[in-house]
Protein backbone atom coordinates (compact mmCIF):
# COMPACT_ATOMS: atom_id res chain seq x y z
CA UNK A 1 -22.53 -2.89 9.33
CA UNK A 2 -22.37 -6.68 9.24
CA UNK A 3 -23.73 -6.69 5.70
CA UNK A 4 -20.93 -4.37 4.60
CA UNK A 5 -18.24 -6.32 6.46
CA UNK A 6 -19.31 -9.88 5.70
CA UNK A 7 -21.08 -9.84 2.36
CA UNK A 8 -18.79 -7.51 0.45
CA UNK A 9 -21.59 -5.02 -0.18
CA UNK A 10 -20.28 -1.52 -0.80
CA UNK A 11 -21.99 1.21 1.23
CA UNK A 12 -23.07 4.39 -0.56
CA UNK A 13 -20.93 7.51 -0.17
CA UNK A 14 -23.32 9.16 2.32
CA UNK A 15 -23.15 6.06 4.54
CA UNK A 16 -19.35 6.10 4.38
CA UNK A 17 -19.39 9.77 5.39
CA UNK A 18 -21.67 9.00 8.33
CA UNK A 19 -19.47 6.11 9.46
CA UNK A 20 -16.35 8.27 9.19
CA UNK A 21 -18.01 10.95 11.32
CA UNK A 22 -19.16 8.43 13.93
CA UNK A 23 -15.72 6.82 14.23
CA UNK A 24 -13.83 10.12 14.01
CA UNK A 25 -11.80 9.10 10.98
CA UNK A 26 -11.68 9.67 7.23
CA UNK A 27 -13.51 7.86 4.46
CA UNK A 28 -10.10 6.95 3.01
CA UNK A 29 -9.15 5.18 6.23
CA UNK A 30 -12.44 3.25 6.31
CA UNK A 31 -12.04 2.15 2.70
CA UNK A 32 -8.27 1.64 2.48
CA UNK A 33 -6.93 1.38 6.03
CA UNK A 34 -3.52 2.79 6.93
CA UNK A 35 -0.48 2.89 4.69
CA UNK A 36 1.13 0.28 6.93
CA UNK A 37 -1.87 -2.05 6.58
CA UNK A 38 -1.76 -1.62 2.79
CA UNK A 39 1.94 -2.43 2.67
CA UNK A 40 1.57 -5.43 4.93
CA UNK A 41 -1.35 -6.62 2.82
CA UNK A 42 0.77 -6.64 -0.30
CA UNK A 43 4.30 -7.15 1.00
CA UNK A 44 5.05 -10.35 2.89
CA UNK A 45 8.80 -9.98 3.37
CA UNK A 46 9.25 -8.45 6.84
CA UNK A 47 12.76 -7.20 6.05
CA UNK A 48 11.52 -5.39 2.92
CA UNK A 49 8.74 -3.75 4.92
CA UNK A 50 11.26 -2.63 7.54
CA UNK A 51 13.60 -1.20 4.90
CA UNK A 52 10.80 0.64 3.10
CA UNK A 53 9.65 2.17 6.40
CA UNK A 54 13.17 3.44 7.01
CA UNK A 55 13.39 4.69 3.43
CA UNK A 56 10.30 6.85 4.00
CA UNK A 57 12.35 8.95 6.43
CA UNK A 58 14.98 9.85 3.83
CA UNK A 59 15.05 13.11 1.87
CA UNK A 60 13.33 12.95 -1.53
CA UNK A 61 16.57 12.89 -3.52
CA UNK A 62 17.83 9.81 -1.66
CA UNK A 63 14.45 8.09 -1.97
CA UNK A 64 14.42 8.73 -5.70
CA UNK A 65 17.95 7.36 -6.06
CA UNK A 66 16.99 4.16 -4.24
CA UNK A 67 13.81 3.78 -6.29
CA UNK A 68 15.78 4.23 -9.51
CA UNK A 69 18.28 1.54 -8.47
CA UNK A 70 15.46 -0.85 -7.51
CA UNK A 71 13.68 -0.16 -10.81
CA UNK A 72 16.91 -0.91 -12.71
CA UNK A 73 17.37 -4.23 -10.89
CA UNK A 74 13.79 -5.22 -11.59
CA UNK A 75 14.12 -4.24 -15.26
CA UNK A 76 17.35 -6.25 -15.60
CA UNK A 77 15.78 -9.27 -13.91
CA UNK A 78 12.79 -9.18 -16.26
CA UNK A 79 15.06 -8.91 -19.28
CA UNK A 80 17.08 -11.92 -18.13
CA UNK A 81 13.88 -13.89 -17.55
CA UNK A 82 12.64 -13.03 -21.04
CA UNK A 83 15.80 -14.46 -22.60
CA UNK A 84 15.57 -17.65 -20.54
CA UNK A 85 12.10 -18.48 -21.80
């Protein structure tokens, strides 16, 4: 276990399966952690994390609307940055 945790060595699939069985979890959880851990690993803005968690509770149509608006803002920002360079 220490070799896998400390040295960055990847265990073979059968070892992952055994570990998942021993710990009563899935291989995906062992490899990737929870969705919250993934988000916190990539997102550092606590308010954004909070808002995205709340957004997950919305119906799909509302989520898609919000994602489209965010995508438009990001696109516009990138375009503005391209013209400033």
